[in-house]
PDB file of N, CA and C in Angstrom:
ATOM      1  N   MET A   1     146.076 186.245   5.690  1.00  0.00           N
ATOM      2  CA  MET A   1     146.335 185.901   4.320  1.00  0.00           C
ATOM      3  C   MET A   1     145.646 186.903   3.400  1.00  0.00           C
ATOM      4  N   PHE A   2     146.300 187.231   2.334  1.00  0.00           N
ATOM      5  CA  PHE A   2     145.746 188.124   1.329  1.00  0.00           C
ATOM      6  C   PHE A   2     145.217 187.310   0.153  1.00  0.00           C
ATOM      7  N   ILE A   3     144.131 187.800  -0.437  1.00  0.00           N
ATOM      8  CA  ILE A   3     143.672 187.258  -1.708  1.00  0.00           C
ATOM      9  C   ILE A   3     143.746 188.379  -2.729  1.00  0.00           C
ATOM     10  N   LYS A   4     144.113 188.016  -3.930  1.00  0.00           N
ATOM     11  CA  LYS A   4     144.277 189.007  -4.989  1.00  0.00           C
ATOM     12  C   LYS A   4     143.039 189.009  -5.871  1.00  0.00           C
ATOM     13  N   ILE A   5     142.457 190.189  -6.021  1.00  0.00           N
ATOM     14  CA  ILE A   5     141.347 190.385  -6.947  1.00  0.00           C
ATOM     15  C   ILE A   5     141.977 190.959  -8.208  1.00  0.00           C
ATOM     16  N   LYS A   6     141.865 190.220  -9.300  1.00  0.00           N
ATOM     17  CA  LYS A   6     142.557 190.603 -10.529  1.00  0.00           C
ATOM     18  C   LYS A   6     141.686 191.487 -11.414  1.00  0.00           C
ATOM     19  N   LYS A   7     142.342 192.443 -12.041  1.00  0.00           N
ATOM     20  CA  LYS A   7     141.638 193.345 -12.953  1.00  0.00           C
ATOM     21  C   LYS A   7     141.235 192.615 -14.223  1.00  0.00           C
ATOM     22  N   ASN A   8     140.254 193.182 -14.882  1.00  0.00           N
ATOM     23  CA  ASN A   8     139.806 192.721 -16.190  1.00  0.00           C
ATOM     24  C   ASN A   8     139.430 191.241 -16.230  1.00  0.00           C
ATOM     25  N   CYS A   9     138.910 190.722 -15.126  1.00  0.00           N
ATOM     26  CA  CYS A   9     138.451 189.327 -15.092  1.00  0.00           C
ATOM     27  C   CYS A   9     136.927 189.247 -15.126  1.00  0.00           C
ATOM     28  N   GLY A  10     136.280 190.340 -15.485  1.00  0.00           N
ATOM     29  CA  GLY A  10     134.826 190.341 -15.553  1.00  0.00           C
ATOM     30  C   GLY A  10     134.152 190.460 -14.202  1.00  0.00           C
ATOM     31  N   ILE A  11     134.892 190.873 -13.184  1.00  0.00           N
ATOM     32  CA  ILE A  11     134.322 191.035 -11.850  1.00  0.00           C
ATOM     33  C   ILE A  11     133.809 192.465 -11.713  1.00  0.00           C
ATOM     34  N   GLN A  12     132.618 192.594 -11.144  1.00  0.00           N
ATOM     35  CA  GLN A  12     132.097 193.908 -10.792  1.00  0.00           C
ATOM     36  C   GLN A  12     132.014 193.982  -9.283  1.00  0.00           C
ATOM     37  N   MET A  13     132.103 195.196  -8.733  1.00  0.00           N
ATOM     38  CA  MET A  13     132.186 195.352  -7.291  1.00  0.00           C
ATOM     39  C   MET A  13     131.242 196.438  -6.809  1.00  0.00           C
ATOM     40  N   GLU A  14     130.728 196.221  -5.614  1.00  0.00           N
ATOM     41  CA  GLU A  14     129.921 197.211  -4.901  1.00  0.00           C
ATOM     42  C   GLU A  14     130.544 197.343  -3.511  1.00  0.00           C
ATOM     43  N   HIS A  15     130.622 198.557  -2.979  1.00  0.00           N
ATOM     44  CA  HIS A  15     131.124 198.749  -1.616  1.00  0.00           C
ATOM     45  C   HIS A  15     130.565 200.036  -1.037  1.00  0.00           C
ATOM     46  N   ASN A  16     130.814 200.251   0.261  1.00  0.00           N
ATOM     47  CA  ASN A  16     130.252 201.395   0.979  1.00  0.00           C
ATOM     48  C   ASN A  16     130.670 202.740   0.406  1.00  0.00           C
ATOM     49  N   GLY A  17     131.805 202.810  -0.230  1.00  0.00           N
ATOM     50  CA  GLY A  17     132.295 204.079  -0.756  1.00  0.00           C
ATOM     51  C   GLY A  17     131.534 204.567  -1.975  1.00  0.00           C
ATOM     52  N   LEU A  18     130.683 203.736  -2.524  1.00  0.00           N
ATOM     53  CA  LEU A  18     129.885 204.093  -3.694  1.00  0.00           C
ATOM     54  C   LEU A  18     128.457 204.420  -3.270  1.00  0.00           C
ATOM     55  N   GLU A  19     127.730 205.096  -4.161  1.00  0.00           N
ATOM     56  CA  GLU A  19     126.313 205.293  -3.921  1.00  0.00           C
ATOM     57  C   GLU A  19     125.629 203.935  -3.899  1.00  0.00           C
ATOM     58  N   LYS A  20     124.494 203.867  -3.235  1.00  0.00           N
ATOM     59  CA  LYS A  20     123.753 202.611  -3.141  1.00  0.00           C
ATOM     60  C   LYS A  20     123.425 202.071  -4.532  1.00  0.00           C
ATOM     61  N   ARG A  21     123.567 200.755  -4.685  1.00  0.00           N
ATOM     62  CA  ARG A  21     123.232 200.010  -5.890  1.00  0.00           C
ATOM     63  C   ARG A  21     124.080 200.377  -7.100  1.00  0.00           C
ATOM     64  N   ARG A  22     125.278 200.922  -6.871  1.00  0.00           N
ATOM     65  CA  ARG A  22     126.222 201.205  -7.969  1.00  0.00           C
ATOM     66  C   ARG A  22     127.220 200.073  -8.047  1.00  0.00           C
ATOM     67  N   LEU A  23     127.486 199.638  -9.261  1.00  0.00           N
ATOM     68  CA  LEU A  23     128.511 198.624  -9.495  1.00  0.00           C
ATOM     69  C   LEU A  23     129.601 199.209 -10.372  1.00  0.00           C
ATOM     70  N   VAL A  24     130.828 198.854 -10.053  1.00  0.00           N
ATOM     71  CA  VAL A  24     131.957 199.294 -10.867  1.00  0.00           C
ATOM     72  C   VAL A  24     132.752 198.067 -11.294  1.00  0.00           C
ATOM     73  N   PRO A  25     133.281 198.086 -12.500  1.00  0.00           N
ATOM     74  CA  PRO A  25     134.143 196.976 -12.913  1.00  0.00           C
ATOM     75  C   PRO A  25     135.493 197.077 -12.190  1.00  0.00           C
ATOM     76  N   VAL A  26     136.078 195.941 -11.877  1.00  0.00           N
ATOM     77  CA  VAL A  26     137.403 195.931 -11.257  1.00  0.00           C
ATOM     78  C   VAL A  26     138.409 196.157 -12.379  1.00  0.00           C
ATOM     79  N   THR A  27     139.046 197.338 -12.362  1.00  0.00           N
ATOM     80  CA  THR A  27     139.960 197.721 -13.444  1.00  0.00           C
ATOM     81  C   THR A  27     141.414 197.789 -12.998  1.00  0.00           C
ATOM     82  N   SER A  28     141.681 197.436 -11.746  1.00  0.00           N
ATOM     83  CA  SER A  28     143.074 197.322 -11.303  1.00  0.00           C
ATOM     84  C   SER A  28     143.146 196.214 -10.252  1.00  0.00           C
ATOM     85  N   ASN A  29     144.292 195.584 -10.159  1.00  0.00           N
ATOM     86  CA  ASN A  29     144.485 194.532  -9.167  1.00  0.00           C
ATOM     87  C   ASN A  29     144.461 195.140  -7.774  1.00  0.00           C
ATOM     88  N   PHE A  30     143.902 194.408  -6.809  1.00  0.00           N
ATOM     89  CA  PHE A  30     144.025 194.819  -5.417  1.00  0.00           C
ATOM     90  C   PHE A  30     144.003 193.592  -4.530  1.00  0.00           C
ATOM     91  N   LEU A  31     144.499 193.766  -3.327  1.00  0.00           N
ATOM     92  CA  LEU A  31     144.587 192.671  -2.367  1.00  0.00           C
ATOM     93  C   LEU A  31     143.619 192.911  -1.224  1.00  0.00           C
ATOM     94  N   LEU A  32     142.977 191.848  -0.765  1.00  0.00           N
ATOM     95  CA  LEU A  32     142.122 191.905   0.416  1.00  0.00           C
ATOM     96  C   LEU A  32     142.748 191.035   1.496  1.00  0.00           C
ATOM     97  N   ASN A  33     142.867 191.591   2.687  1.00  0.00           N
ATOM     98  CA  ASN A  33     143.425 190.871   3.817  1.00  0.00           C
ATOM     99  C   ASN A  33     142.297 190.098   4.498  1.00  0.00           C
ATOM    100  N   LEU A  34     142.307 188.778   4.376  1.00  0.00           N
ATOM    101  CA  LEU A  34     141.234 187.976   4.946  1.00  0.00           C
ATOM    102  C   LEU A  34     141.203 188.028   6.467  1.00  0.00           C
ATOM    103  N   SER A  35     142.297 188.382   7.106  1.00  0.00           N
ATOM    104  CA  SER A  35     142.280 188.489   8.564  1.00  0.00           C
ATOM    105  C   SER A  35     141.503 189.718   9.030  1.00  0.00           C
ATOM    106  N   GLN A  36     141.157 190.611   8.112  1.00  0.00           N
ATOM    107  CA  GLN A  36     140.361 191.786   8.464  1.00  0.00           C
ATOM    108  C   GLN A  36     138.908 191.653   8.025  1.00  0.00           C
ATOM    109  N   VAL A  37     138.542 190.460   7.574  1.00  0.00           N
ATOM    110  CA  VAL A  37     137.163 190.181   7.173  1.00  0.00           C
ATOM    111  C   VAL A  37     136.484 189.439   8.317  1.00  0.00           C
ATOM    112  N   ALA A  38     135.313 189.938   8.723  1.00  0.00           N
ATOM    113  CA  ALA A  38     134.582 189.314   9.826  1.00  0.00           C
ATOM    114  C   ALA A  38     133.614 188.238   9.342  1.00  0.00           C
ATOM    115  N   GLU A  39     132.977 188.473   8.197  1.00  0.00           N
ATOM    116  CA  GLU A  39     131.990 187.530   7.683  1.00  0.00           C
ATOM    117  C   GLU A  39     132.106 187.448   6.159  1.00  0.00           C
ATOM    118  N   ILE A  40     131.879 186.263   5.639  1.00  0.00           N
ATOM    119  CA  ILE A  40     131.876 186.064   4.191  1.00  0.00           C
ATOM    120  C   ILE A  40     130.638 185.260   3.827  1.00  0.00           C
ATOM    121  N   SER A  41     129.932 185.735   2.815  1.00  0.00           N
ATOM    122  CA  SER A  41     128.765 185.016   2.308  1.00  0.00           C
ATOM    123  C   SER A  41     128.966 184.736   0.829  1.00  0.00           C
ATOM    124  N   PHE A  42     128.493 183.572   0.416  1.00  0.00           N
ATOM    125  CA  PHE A  42     128.484 183.197  -0.992  1.00  0.00           C
ATOM    126  C   PHE A  42     127.031 182.955  -1.370  1.00  0.00           C
ATOM    127  N   TYR A  43     126.572 183.591  -2.421  1.00  0.00           N
ATOM    128  CA  TYR A  43     125.200 183.327  -2.852  1.00  0.00           C
ATOM    129  C   TYR A  43     125.043 183.598  -4.342  1.00  0.00           C
ATOM    130  N   THR A  44     123.905 183.141  -4.864  1.00  0.00           N
ATOM    131  CA  THR A  44     123.575 183.294  -6.273  1.00  0.00           C
ATOM    132  C   THR A  44     122.287 184.097  -6.379  1.00  0.00           C
ATOM    133  N   ILE A  45     122.266 185.049  -7.277  1.00  0.00           N
ATOM    134  CA  ILE A  45     121.079 185.885  -7.471  1.00  0.00           C
ATOM    135  C   ILE A  45     120.040 185.078  -8.234  1.00  0.00           C
ATOM    136  N   LYS A  46     118.851 184.950  -7.627  1.00  0.00           N
ATOM    137  CA  LYS A  46     117.797 184.122  -8.202  1.00  0.00           C
ATOM    138  C   LYS A  46     116.591 184.949  -8.653  1.00  0.00           C
ATOM    139  N   GLU A  47     116.609 186.264  -8.410  1.00  0.00           N
ATOM    140  CA  GLU A  47     115.509 187.127  -8.843  1.00  0.00           C
ATOM    141  C   GLU A  47     116.080 188.374  -9.489  1.00  0.00           C
ATOM    142  N   ARG A  48     115.284 189.082 -10.228  1.00  0.00           N
ATOM    143  CA  ARG A  48     115.743 190.261 -10.954  1.00  0.00           C
ATOM    144  C   ARG A  48     116.193 191.361  -9.997  1.00  0.00           C
ATOM    145  N   LYS A  49     117.386 191.899 -10.268  1.00  0.00           N
ATOM    146  CA  LYS A  49     117.926 193.008  -9.473  1.00  0.00           C
ATOM    147  C   LYS A  49     118.451 194.068 -10.423  1.00  0.00           C
ATOM    148  N   THR A  50     118.129 195.312 -10.122  1.00  0.00           N
ATOM    149  CA  THR A  50     118.569 196.438 -10.933  1.00  0.00           C
ATOM    150  C   THR A  50     119.708 197.153 -10.230  1.00  0.00           C
ATOM    151  N   ARG A  51     120.729 197.502 -10.972  1.00  0.00           N
ATOM    152  CA  ARG A  51     121.869 198.261 -10.457  1.00  0.00           C
ATOM    153  C   ARG A  51     122.165 199.387 -11.436  1.00  0.00           C
ATOM    154  N   PHE A  52     123.152 200.215 -11.087  1.00  0.00           N
ATOM    155  CA  PHE A  52     123.535 201.354 -11.912  1.00  0.00           C
ATOM    156  C   PHE A  52     125.042 201.341 -12.116  1.00  0.00           C
ATOM    157  N   ASP A  53     125.484 201.773 -13.296  1.00  0.00           N
ATOM    158  CA  ASP A  53     126.920 201.911 -13.529  1.00  0.00           C
ATOM    159  C   ASP A  53     127.365 203.286 -13.048  1.00  0.00           C
ATOM    160  N   LEU A  54     128.639 203.631 -13.246  1.00  0.00           N
ATOM    161  CA  LEU A  54     129.165 204.907 -12.752  1.00  0.00           C
ATOM    162  C   LEU A  54     128.512 206.121 -13.401  1.00  0.00           C
ATOM    163  N   GLU A  55     128.034 205.962 -14.623  1.00  0.00           N
ATOM    164  CA  GLU A  55     127.381 207.071 -15.318  1.00  0.00           C
ATOM    165  C   GLU A  55     125.900 207.179 -14.963  1.00  0.00           C
ATOM    166  N   GLY A  56     125.408 206.275 -14.124  1.00  0.00           N
ATOM    167  CA  GLY A  56     124.013 206.318 -13.710  1.00  0.00           C
ATOM    168  C   GLY A  56     123.060 205.553 -14.615  1.00  0.00           C
ATOM    169  N   HIS A  57     123.605 204.798 -15.569  1.00  0.00           N
ATOM    170  CA  HIS A  57     122.758 203.995 -16.445  1.00  0.00           C
ATOM    171  C   HIS A  57     122.284 202.755 -15.701  1.00  0.00           C
ATOM    172  N   GLU A  58     121.008 202.493 -15.807  1.00  0.00           N
ATOM    173  CA  GLU A  58     120.407 201.345 -15.143  1.00  0.00           C
ATOM    174  C   GLU A  58     120.658 200.078 -15.955  1.00  0.00           C
ATOM    175  N   PHE A  59     120.944 198.982 -15.272  1.00  0.00           N
ATOM    176  CA  PHE A  59     121.048 197.684 -15.935  1.00  0.00           C
ATOM    177  C   PHE A  59     120.586 196.606 -14.969  1.00  0.00           C
ATOM    178  N   GLU A  60     120.222 195.491 -15.536  1.00  0.00           N
ATOM    179  CA  GLU A  60     119.719 194.381 -14.739  1.00  0.00           C
ATOM    180  C   GLU A  60     120.796 193.304 -14.627  1.00  0.00           C
ATOM    181  N   LEU A  61     121.004 192.811 -13.424  1.00  0.00           N
ATOM    182  CA  LEU A  61     121.950 191.720 -13.225  1.00  0.00           C
ATOM    183  C   LEU A  61     121.339 190.438 -13.770  1.00  0.00           C
ATOM    184  N   PRO A  62     122.120 189.653 -14.496  1.00  0.00           N
ATOM    185  CA  PRO A  62     121.578 188.387 -15.002  1.00  0.00           C
ATOM    186  C   PRO A  62     121.265 187.430 -13.852  1.00  0.00           C
ATOM    187  N   LEU A  63     120.216 186.641 -14.032  1.00  0.00           N
ATOM    188  CA  LEU A  63     119.941 185.586 -13.060  1.00  0.00           C
ATOM    189  C   LEU A  63     121.141 184.645 -13.044  1.00  0.00           C
ATOM    190  N   GLN A  64     121.388 184.025 -11.926  1.00  0.00           N
ATOM    191  CA  GLN A  64     122.516 183.119 -11.700  1.00  0.00           C
ATOM    192  C   GLN A  64     123.852 183.858 -11.560  1.00  0.00           C
ATOM    193  N   THR A  65     123.807 185.186 -11.386  1.00  0.00           N
ATOM    194  CA  THR A  65     125.028 185.925 -11.051  1.00  0.00           C
ATOM    195  C   THR A  65     125.462 185.476  -9.670  1.00  0.00           C
ATOM    196  N   ARG A  66     126.730 185.179  -9.516  1.00  0.00           N
ATOM    197  CA  ARG A  66     127.250 184.735  -8.218  1.00  0.00           C
ATOM    198  C   ARG A  66     127.886 185.917  -7.497  1.00  0.00           C
ATOM    199  N   VAL A  67     127.758 185.910  -6.157  1.00  0.00           N
ATOM    200  CA  VAL A  67     128.230 187.029  -5.345  1.00  0.00           C
ATOM    201  C   VAL A  67     129.067 186.497  -4.195  1.00  0.00           C
ATOM    202  N   ILE A  68     130.185 187.173  -3.948  1.00  0.00           N
ATOM    203  CA  ILE A  68     130.964 186.960  -2.729  1.00  0.00           C
ATOM    204  C   ILE A  68     130.853 188.252  -1.938  1.00  0.00           C
ATOM    205  N   HIS A  69     130.244 188.160  -0.758  1.00  0.00           N
ATOM    206  CA  HIS A  69     130.009 189.331   0.095  1.00  0.00           C
ATOM    207  C   HIS A  69     130.979 189.265   1.277  1.00  0.00           C
ATOM    208  N   LEU A  70     131.877 190.239   1.345  1.00  0.00           N
ATOM    209  CA  LEU A  70     132.893 190.298   2.402  1.00  0.00           C
ATOM    210  C   LEU A  70     132.545 191.442   3.350  1.00  0.00           C
ATOM    211  N   GLN A  71     132.212 191.115   4.581  1.00  0.00           N
ATOM    212  CA  GLN A  71     131.886 192.115   5.608  1.00  0.00           C
ATOM    213  C   GLN A  71     133.122 192.288   6.484  1.00  0.00           C
ATOM    214  N   MET A  72     133.655 193.503   6.530  1.00  0.00           N
ATOM    215  CA  MET A  72     134.894 193.757   7.254  1.00  0.00           C
ATOM    216  C   MET A  72     134.653 193.815   8.764  1.00  0.00           C
ATOM    217  N   THR A  73     135.730 193.752   9.541  1.00  0.00           N
ATOM    218  CA  THR A  73     135.624 193.822  10.995  1.00  0.00           C
ATOM    219  C   THR A  73     135.231 195.233  11.431  1.00  0.00           C
ATOM    220  N   TYR A  74     134.958 195.382  12.721  1.00  0.00           N
ATOM    221  CA  TYR A  74     134.532 196.676  13.249  1.00  0.00           C
ATOM    222  C   TYR A  74     135.628 197.734  13.200  1.00  0.00           C
ATOM    223  N   LEU A  75     136.872 197.328  13.020  1.00  0.00           N
ATOM    224  CA  LEU A  75     137.945 198.315  12.859  1.00  0.00           C
ATOM    225  C   LEU A  75     137.739 199.138  11.590  1.00  0.00           C
ATOM    226  N   TYR A  76     136.989 198.590  10.654  1.00  0.00           N
ATOM    227  CA  TYR A  76     136.722 199.261   9.382  1.00  0.00           C
ATOM    228  C   TYR A  76     135.244 199.625   9.329  1.00  0.00           C
ATOM    229  N   ALA A  77     134.869 200.557  10.197  1.00  0.00           N
ATOM    230  CA  ALA A  77     133.479 200.968  10.291  1.00  0.00           C
ATOM    231  C   ALA A  77     133.413 202.489  10.408  1.00  0.00           C
ATOM    232  N   THR A  78     132.253 203.023  10.054  1.00  0.00           N
ATOM    233  CA  THR A  78     131.993 204.439  10.270  1.00  0.00           C
ATOM    234  C   THR A  78     130.942 204.542  11.367  1.00  0.00           C
ATOM    235  N   TYR A  79     131.033 205.592  12.128  1.00  0.00           N
ATOM    236  CA  TYR A  79     130.136 205.790  13.252  1.00  0.00           C
ATOM    237  C   TYR A  79     129.370 207.094  13.071  1.00  0.00           C
ATOM    238  N   LYS A  80     128.072 207.047  13.303  1.00  0.00           N
ATOM    239  CA  LYS A  80     127.241 208.250  13.281  1.00  0.00           C
ATOM    240  C   LYS A  80     126.673 208.434  14.675  1.00  0.00           C
ATOM    241  N   GLU A  81     126.825 209.625  15.208  1.00  0.00           N
ATOM    242  CA  GLU A  81     126.357 209.900  16.566  1.00  0.00           C
ATOM    243  C   GLU A  81     124.888 210.296  16.601  1.00  0.00           C
ATOM    244  N   THR A  82     124.368 210.809  15.494  1.00  0.00           N
ATOM    245  CA  THR A  82     122.946 211.146  15.443  1.00  0.00           C
ATOM    246  C   THR A  82     122.331 210.461  14.226  1.00  0.00           C
ATOM    247  N   ILE A  83     121.144 209.948  14.438  1.00  0.00           N
ATOM    248  CA  ILE A  83     120.433 209.245  13.388  1.00  0.00           C
ATOM    249  C   ILE A  83     119.069 209.915  13.251  1.00  0.00           C
ATOM    250  N   ASN A  84     118.830 210.537  12.109  1.00  0.00           N
ATOM    251  CA  ASN A  84     117.579 211.268  11.872  1.00  0.00           C
ATOM    252  C   ASN A  84     117.292 212.277  12.978  1.00  0.00           C
ATOM    253  N   GLY A  85     118.325 212.954  13.445  1.00  0.00           N
ATOM    254  CA  GLY A  85     118.172 213.985  14.468  1.00  0.00           C
ATOM    255  C   GLY A  85     118.138 213.462  15.887  1.00  0.00           C
ATOM    256  N   ASN A  86     118.116 212.161  16.082  1.00  0.00           N
ATOM    257  CA  ASN A  86     118.078 211.568  17.420  1.00  0.00           C
ATOM    258  C   ASN A  86     119.471 211.133  17.840  1.00  0.00           C
ATOM    259  N   LYS A  87     119.726 211.242  19.145  1.00  0.00           N
ATOM    260  CA  LYS A  87     121.015 210.763  19.641  1.00  0.00           C
ATOM    261  C   LYS A  87     121.045 209.247  19.586  1.00  0.00           C
ATOM    262  N   GLY A  88     122.194 208.746  19.307  1.00  0.00           N
ATOM    263  CA  GLY A  88     122.374 207.305  19.211  1.00  0.00           C
ATOM    264  C   GLY A  88     123.648 207.046  18.436  1.00  0.00           C
ATOM    265  N   ARG A  89     123.948 205.830  18.262  1.00  0.00           N
ATOM    266  CA  ARG A  89     125.168 205.495  17.535  1.00  0.00           C
ATOM    267  C   ARG A  89     124.865 204.409  16.524  1.00  0.00           C
ATOM    268  N   LEU A  90     125.192 204.696  15.301  1.00  0.00           N
ATOM    269  CA  LEU A  90     125.023 203.737  14.221  1.00  0.00           C
ATOM    270  C   LEU A  90     126.408 203.331  13.743  1.00  0.00           C
ATOM    271  N   VAL A  91     126.650 202.043  13.732  1.00  0.00           N
ATOM    272  CA  VAL A  91     127.925 201.512  13.267  1.00  0.00           C
ATOM    273  C   VAL A  91     127.679 200.846  11.924  1.00  0.00           C
ATOM    274  N   GLU A  92     128.354 201.346  10.908  1.00  0.00           N
ATOM    275  CA  GLU A  92     128.222 200.766   9.578  1.00  0.00           C
ATOM    276  C   GLU A  92     129.575 200.186   9.172  1.00  0.00           C
ATOM    277  N   ARG A  93     129.651 198.853   9.182  1.00  0.00           N
ATOM    278  CA  ARG A  93     130.896 198.204   8.798  1.00  0.00           C
ATOM    279  C   ARG A  93     131.086 198.287   7.296  1.00  0.00           C
ATOM    280  N   GLN A  94     132.325 198.351   6.880  1.00  0.00           N
ATOM    281  CA  GLN A  94     132.650 198.373   5.454  1.00  0.00           C
ATOM    282  C   GLN A  94     132.405 196.982   4.869  1.00  0.00           C
ATOM    283  N   TYR A  95     132.012 196.956   3.612  1.00  0.00           N
ATOM    284  CA  TYR A  95     131.796 195.683   2.940  1.00  0.00           C
ATOM    285  C   TYR A  95     132.233 195.796   1.483  1.00  0.00           C
ATOM    286  N   TYR A  96     132.473 194.655   0.906  1.00  0.00           N
ATOM    287  CA  TYR A  96     132.747 194.525  -0.518  1.00  0.00           C
ATOM    288  C   TYR A  96     131.870 193.404  -1.045  1.00  0.00           C
ATOM    289  N   LYS A  97     131.187 193.650  -2.141  1.00  0.00           N
ATOM    290  CA  LYS A  97     130.429 192.599  -2.828  1.00  0.00           C
ATOM    291  C   LYS A  97     131.045 192.447  -4.209  1.00  0.00           C
ATOM    292  N   LEU A  98     131.469 191.250  -4.505  1.00  0.00           N
ATOM    293  CA  LEU A  98     132.060 190.937  -5.800  1.00  0.00           C
ATOM    294  C   LEU A  98     131.043 190.146  -6.609  1.00  0.00           C
ATOM    295  N   TYR A  99     130.693 190.655  -7.787  1.00  0.00           N
ATOM    296  CA  TYR A  99     129.680 190.056  -8.650  1.00  0.00           C
ATOM    297  C   TYR A  99     130.344 189.356  -9.832  1.00  0.00           C
ATOM    298  N   PHE A 100     129.934 188.110 -10.065  1.00  0.00           N
ATOM    299  CA  PHE A 100     130.481 187.292 -11.146  1.00  0.00           C
ATOM    300  C   PHE A 100     129.329 186.874 -12.046  1.00  0.00           C
ATOM    301  N   SER A 101     129.371 187.272 -13.305  1.00  0.00           N
ATOM    302  CA  SER A 101     128.300 186.929 -14.244  1.00  0.00           C
ATOM    303  C   SER A 101     128.255 185.414 -14.437  1.00  0.00           C
ATOM    304  N   PRO A 102     127.127 184.888 -14.914  1.00  0.00           N
ATOM    305  CA  PRO A 102     127.009 183.430 -15.085  1.00  0.00           C
ATOM    306  C   PRO A 102     128.085 182.820 -15.981  1.00  0.00           C
ATOM    307  N   GLU A 103     128.590 183.577 -16.951  1.00  0.00           N
ATOM    308  CA  GLU A 103     129.646 183.028 -17.811  1.00  0.00           C
ATOM    309  C   GLU A 103     131.038 183.162 -17.187  1.00  0.00           C
ATOM    310  N   ASN A 104     131.122 183.757 -16.002  1.00  0.00           N
ATOM    311  CA  ASN A 104     132.400 183.957 -15.311  1.00  0.00           C
ATOM    312  C   ASN A 104     132.505 183.056 -14.077  1.00  0.00           C
ATOM    313  N   VAL A 105     131.920 181.887 -14.135  1.00  0.00           N
ATOM    314  CA  VAL A 105     131.860 180.991 -12.989  1.00  0.00           C
ATOM    315  C   VAL A 105     133.245 180.459 -12.596  1.00  0.00           C
ATOM    316  N   ASP A 106     134.151 180.308 -13.546  1.00  0.00           N
ATOM    317  CA  ASP A 106     135.486 179.782 -13.226  1.00  0.00           C
ATOM    318  C   ASP A 106     136.243 180.723 -12.287  1.00  0.00           C
ATOM    319  N   THR A 107     136.177 182.017 -12.558  1.00  0.00           N
ATOM    320  CA  THR A 107     136.846 182.992 -11.688  1.00  0.00           C
ATOM    321  C   THR A 107     136.229 182.973 -10.293  1.00  0.00           C
ATOM    322  N   TYR A 108     134.907 182.884 -10.238  1.00  0.00           N
ATOM    323  CA  TYR A 108     134.193 182.798  -8.952  1.00  0.00           C
ATOM    324  C   TYR A 108     134.646 181.571  -8.169  1.00  0.00           C
ATOM    325  N   GLU A 109     134.639 180.411  -8.816  1.00  0.00           N
ATOM    326  CA  GLU A 109     135.017 179.163  -8.143  1.00  0.00           C
ATOM    327  C   GLU A 109     136.467 179.205  -7.662  1.00  0.00           C
ATOM    328  N   GLU A 110     137.353 179.794  -8.462  1.00  0.00           N
ATOM    329  CA  GLU A 110     138.760 179.910  -8.064  1.00  0.00           C
ATOM    330  C   GLU A 110     138.898 180.753  -6.801  1.00  0.00           C
ATOM    331  N   LEU A 111     138.237 181.899  -6.774  1.00  0.00           N
ATOM    332  CA  LEU A 111     138.319 182.788  -5.611  1.00  0.00           C
ATOM    333  C   LEU A 111     137.646 182.159  -4.397  1.00  0.00           C
ATOM    334  N   ARG A 112     136.510 181.533  -4.607  1.00  0.00           N
ATOM    335  CA  ARG A 112     135.803 180.893  -3.494  1.00  0.00           C
ATOM    336  C   ARG A 112     136.645 179.775  -2.882  1.00  0.00           C
ATOM    337  N   SER A 113     137.284 178.971  -3.717  1.00  0.00           N
ATOM    338  CA  SER A 113     138.096 177.872  -3.180  1.00  0.00           C
ATOM    339  C   SER A 113     139.299 178.405  -2.401  1.00  0.00           C
ATOM    340  N   LEU A 114     139.894 179.512  -2.861  1.00  0.00           N
ATOM    341  CA  LEU A 114     140.997 180.115  -2.106  1.00  0.00           C
ATOM    342  C   LEU A 114     140.539 180.588  -0.730  1.00  0.00           C
ATOM    343  N   ILE A 115     139.349 181.151  -0.661  1.00  0.00           N
ATOM    344  CA  ILE A 115     138.809 181.612   0.616  1.00  0.00           C
ATOM    345  C   ILE A 115     138.494 180.415   1.497  1.00  0.00           C
ATOM    346  N   GLU A 116     137.856 179.421   0.945  1.00  0.00           N
ATOM    347  CA  GLU A 116     137.445 178.264   1.756  1.00  0.00           C
ATOM    348  C   GLU A 116     138.632 177.432   2.241  1.00  0.00           C
ATOM    349  N   GLU A 117     139.782 177.515   1.583  1.00  0.00           N
ATOM    350  CA  GLU A 117     140.987 176.845   2.069  1.00  0.00           C
ATOM    351  C   GLU A 117     141.414 177.382   3.429  1.00  0.00           C
ATOM    352  N   GLN A 118     141.019 178.595   3.739  1.00  0.00           N
ATOM    353  CA  GLN A 118     141.393 179.240   5.003  1.00  0.00           C
ATOM    354  C   GLN A 118     140.411 178.928   6.128  1.00  0.00           C
ATOM    355  N   VAL A 119     139.366 178.183   5.826  1.00  0.00           N
ATOM    356  CA  VAL A 119     138.327 177.891   6.812  1.00  0.00           C
ATOM    357  C   VAL A 119     138.646 176.592   7.522  1.00  0.00           C
ATOM    358  N   SER A 120     138.581 176.649   8.837  1.00  0.00           N
ATOM    359  CA  SER A 120     138.753 175.446   9.643  1.00  0.00           C
ATOM    360  C   SER A 120     137.353 174.941   9.999  1.00  0.00           C
ATOM    361  N   ASN A 121     137.090 173.698   9.671  1.00  0.00           N
ATOM    362  CA  ASN A 121     135.762 173.128   9.921  1.00  0.00           C
ATOM    363  C   ASN A 121     135.929 171.793  10.621  1.00  0.00           C
ATOM    364  N   PRO A 122     136.127 171.847  11.947  1.00  0.00           N
ATOM    365  CA  PRO A 122     136.366 170.582  12.668  1.00  0.00           C
ATOM    366  C   PRO A 122     135.141 169.717  12.768  1.00  0.00           C
TER     367      PRO A 122
END
């Protein structure tokens, strides 16, 4: 099943393709295939966290920001054969973190309920 992430809904996103701790606003619609997601976490930020926008300006995430963290399956991973000059293999799975400001709770709840409808909990 696909879920649609809608543009201009106040959602900010972080993923592996960006520098660490960079957030970008979602400015175009895109679909995520839930069958390619291995793990999903829902949490609320309870302590101060600093992030950066695309221009490198620092900003602080508001407390009570809600996050949906989607960890993709191993098919969507990068592999490194050497780590700090040593032989070995590091597998870094792709992820998406969707950030919802405290005043954007309705969009968060809508997306979360769509995801949870796909969960079987016997």
